[in-house]
Amino acid sequence: MNIPAYEIKRSKETATGTRYLVRHWRSNKWIICSHASDNSIANPECEGQREYVLKKWNKLVGKQNFHR
């Protein structure tokens, strides 16, 4: 059975292209990137703990409700 390494939490179309908010299951890091699939990401812009990355996400795409 193939277990995905990443989970796409959100996506948003911006003026410079689509951005994805993903969670890496093994390291428990959150990442903002321009391409995401179940097992790979491309062009990571920001990565780290959840709260830090969500602050960057809100600045990038605007504040949205995000539940734990």
N, C-alpha and C. Protein backbone atom coordinates (compact mmCIF):
# COMPACT_ATOMS: atom_id res chain seq x y z
N MET A 1 0.84 -1.17 0.00
CA MET A 1 0.00 0.00 0.00
C MET A 1 0.89 1.24 0.00
N ASN A 2 0.58 2.19 -0.85
CA ASN A 2 1.35 3.41 -0.98
C ASN A 2 0.77 4.49 -0.06
N ILE A 3 1.52 4.90 0.94
CA ILE A 3 1.07 5.94 1.87
C ILE A 3 1.63 7.27 1.41
N PRO A 4 0.78 8.28 1.18
CA PRO A 4 1.29 9.58 0.73
C PRO A 4 2.13 10.26 1.81
N ALA A 5 3.17 10.96 1.37
CA ALA A 5 4.06 11.67 2.30
C ALA A 5 3.50 13.04 2.66
N TYR A 6 2.69 13.60 1.79
CA TYR A 6 2.16 14.95 1.98
C TYR A 6 0.65 14.93 1.94
N GLU A 7 0.04 15.84 2.68
CA GLU A 7 -1.41 16.03 2.62
C GLU A 7 -1.65 17.49 2.23
N ILE A 8 -2.39 17.71 1.15
CA ILE A 8 -2.72 19.06 0.72
C ILE A 8 -3.87 19.55 1.58
N LYS A 9 -3.63 20.62 2.33
CA LYS A 9 -4.63 21.17 3.24
C LYS A 9 -5.46 22.26 2.58
N ARG A 10 -4.82 23.11 1.81
CA ARG A 10 -5.50 24.21 1.14
C ARG A 10 -4.82 24.49 -0.19
N SER A 11 -5.56 25.12 -1.10
CA SER A 11 -4.96 25.66 -2.32
C SER A 11 -5.66 26.98 -2.62
N LYS A 12 -4.93 27.88 -3.24
CA LYS A 12 -5.48 29.20 -3.54
C LYS A 12 -4.82 29.73 -4.80
N GLU A 13 -5.62 30.24 -5.71
CA GLU A 13 -5.12 30.86 -6.92
C GLU A 13 -4.74 32.30 -6.59
N THR A 14 -3.48 32.67 -6.86
CA THR A 14 -3.00 34.03 -6.63
C THR A 14 -2.61 34.65 -7.96
N ALA A 15 -2.20 35.89 -7.92
CA ALA A 15 -1.80 36.59 -9.15
C ALA A 15 -0.59 35.95 -9.80
N THR A 16 0.25 35.29 -9.01
CA THR A 16 1.46 34.66 -9.55
C THR A 16 1.33 33.15 -9.71
N GLY A 17 0.13 32.61 -9.58
CA GLY A 17 -0.08 31.17 -9.75
C GLY A 17 -0.72 30.55 -8.52
N THR A 18 -1.01 29.28 -8.62
CA THR A 18 -1.64 28.56 -7.52
C THR A 18 -0.63 28.27 -6.42
N ARG A 19 -1.05 28.45 -5.17
CA ARG A 19 -0.22 28.12 -4.02
C ARG A 19 -0.91 27.02 -3.23
N TYR A 20 -0.13 26.13 -2.66
CA TYR A 20 -0.65 25.02 -1.88
C TYR A 20 -0.09 25.07 -0.47
N LEU A 21 -0.94 24.78 0.49
CA LEU A 21 -0.54 24.61 1.87
C LEU A 21 -0.59 23.12 2.14
N VAL A 22 0.56 22.53 2.42
CA VAL A 22 0.64 21.08 2.61
C VAL A 22 1.28 20.75 3.94
N ARG A 23 0.99 19.54 4.41
CA ARG A 23 1.59 19.04 5.64
C ARG A 23 2.39 17.79 5.31
N HIS A 24 3.64 17.78 5.74
CA HIS A 24 4.49 16.60 5.55
C HIS A 24 4.27 15.69 6.74
N TRP A 25 3.81 14.47 6.51
CA TRP A 25 3.43 13.56 7.59
C TRP A 25 4.61 13.08 8.42
N ARG A 26 5.71 12.77 7.79
CA ARG A 26 6.84 12.20 8.54
C ARG A 26 7.53 13.21 9.46
N SER A 27 7.75 14.42 8.96
CA SER A 27 8.46 15.43 9.76
C SER A 27 7.50 16.35 10.50
N ASN A 28 6.21 16.27 10.20
CA ASN A 28 5.18 17.12 10.79
C ASN A 28 5.42 18.60 10.50
N LYS A 29 6.08 18.90 9.37
CA LYS A 29 6.27 20.29 8.95
C LYS A 29 5.17 20.69 7.99
N TRP A 30 4.91 21.98 7.97
CA TRP A 30 3.95 22.57 7.05
C TRP A 30 4.72 23.34 6.00
N ILE A 31 4.21 23.35 4.76
CA ILE A 31 4.95 23.92 3.64
C ILE A 31 3.99 24.69 2.73
N ILE A 32 4.44 25.85 2.23
CA ILE A 32 3.73 26.57 1.17
C ILE A 32 4.56 26.37 -0.08
N CYS A 33 3.90 25.92 -1.17
CA CYS A 33 4.64 25.64 -2.40
C CYS A 33 3.76 25.94 -3.62
N SER A 34 4.38 25.88 -4.81
CA SER A 34 3.64 26.16 -6.04
C SER A 34 3.15 24.91 -6.75
N HIS A 35 3.57 23.73 -6.29
CA HIS A 35 3.09 22.47 -6.86
C HIS A 35 3.08 21.42 -5.76
N ALA A 36 2.01 20.64 -5.70
CA ALA A 36 1.93 19.60 -4.68
C ALA A 36 1.17 18.40 -5.23
N SER A 37 1.67 17.22 -4.89
CA SER A 37 0.96 15.98 -5.15
C SER A 37 1.11 15.12 -3.91
N ASP A 38 0.63 13.89 -3.95
CA ASP A 38 0.69 13.03 -2.77
C ASP A 38 2.12 12.75 -2.32
N ASN A 39 3.06 12.67 -3.24
CA ASN A 39 4.42 12.27 -2.87
C ASN A 39 5.51 13.25 -3.25
N SER A 40 5.15 14.43 -3.75
CA SER A 40 6.19 15.40 -4.08
C SER A 40 5.66 16.82 -4.02
N ILE A 41 6.58 17.75 -3.81
CA ILE A 41 6.26 19.16 -3.87
C ILE A 41 7.33 19.84 -4.71
N ALA A 42 7.03 21.05 -5.20
CA ALA A 42 8.00 21.81 -5.98
C ALA A 42 7.95 23.27 -5.54
N ASN A 43 9.09 23.90 -5.59
CA ASN A 43 9.25 25.31 -5.28
C ASN A 43 8.70 25.69 -3.91
N PRO A 44 9.21 25.09 -2.84
CA PRO A 44 8.74 25.48 -1.51
C PRO A 44 9.13 26.92 -1.21
N GLU A 45 8.17 27.71 -0.73
CA GLU A 45 8.42 29.11 -0.40
C GLU A 45 8.65 29.29 1.09
N CYS A 46 8.02 28.45 1.89
CA CYS A 46 8.09 28.59 3.34
C CYS A 46 7.82 27.22 3.94
N GLU A 47 8.57 26.87 4.99
CA GLU A 47 8.28 25.63 5.69
C GLU A 47 8.66 25.78 7.15
N GLY A 48 7.95 25.05 7.99
CA GLY A 48 8.22 25.11 9.42
C GLY A 48 7.03 24.61 10.22
N GLN A 49 6.94 25.09 11.44
CA GLN A 49 5.84 24.71 12.31
C GLN A 49 4.54 25.36 11.84
N ARG A 50 3.43 24.80 12.24
CA ARG A 50 2.10 25.19 11.76
C ARG A 50 1.82 26.67 11.91
N GLU A 51 2.01 27.22 13.11
CA GLU A 51 1.65 28.62 13.37
C GLU A 51 2.47 29.59 12.51
N TYR A 52 3.76 29.32 12.36
CA TYR A 52 4.63 30.16 11.55
C TYR A 52 4.18 30.16 10.08
N VAL A 53 3.91 28.99 9.55
CA VAL A 53 3.53 28.87 8.14
C VAL A 53 2.14 29.47 7.90
N LEU A 54 1.22 29.30 8.85
CA LEU A 54 -0.11 29.88 8.68
C LEU A 54 -0.07 31.40 8.66
N LYS A 55 0.83 32.02 9.41
CA LYS A 55 0.97 33.48 9.35
C LYS A 55 1.40 33.90 7.95
N LYS A 56 2.35 33.19 7.36
CA LYS A 56 2.80 33.48 5.99
C LYS A 56 1.67 33.23 4.98
N TRP A 57 0.92 32.14 5.18
CA TRP A 57 -0.20 31.80 4.29
C TRP A 57 -1.24 32.93 4.30
N ASN A 58 -1.59 33.43 5.49
CA ASN A 58 -2.58 34.49 5.60
C ASN A 58 -2.11 35.77 4.92
N LYS A 59 -0.82 36.07 4.99
CA LYS A 59 -0.28 37.24 4.29
C LYS A 59 -0.32 37.04 2.78
N LEU A 60 -0.07 35.83 2.33
CA LEU A 60 -0.01 35.53 0.91
C LEU A 60 -1.39 35.51 0.25
N VAL A 61 -2.35 34.85 0.87
CA VAL A 61 -3.66 34.65 0.22
C VAL A 61 -4.81 35.35 0.93
N GLY A 62 -4.55 36.00 2.04
CA GLY A 62 -5.61 36.64 2.79
C GLY A 62 -6.09 35.74 3.90
N LYS A 63 -6.62 36.35 4.93
CA LYS A 63 -7.04 35.59 6.10
C LYS A 63 -8.26 34.73 5.77
N GLN A 64 -8.17 33.46 6.16
CA GLN A 64 -9.27 32.52 5.99
C GLN A 64 -9.44 31.75 7.29
N ASN A 65 -10.64 31.24 7.51
CA ASN A 65 -10.85 30.40 8.69
C ASN A 65 -10.10 29.10 8.49
N PHE A 66 -9.37 28.68 9.51
CA PHE A 66 -8.60 27.44 9.44
C PHE A 66 -8.77 26.72 10.77
N HIS A 67 -9.38 25.58 10.72
CA HIS A 67 -9.65 24.82 11.93
C HIS A 67 -8.59 23.76 12.12
N ARG A 68 -8.29 23.44 13.37
CA ARG A 68 -7.32 22.40 13.69
C ARG A 68 -7.88 21.04 13.39
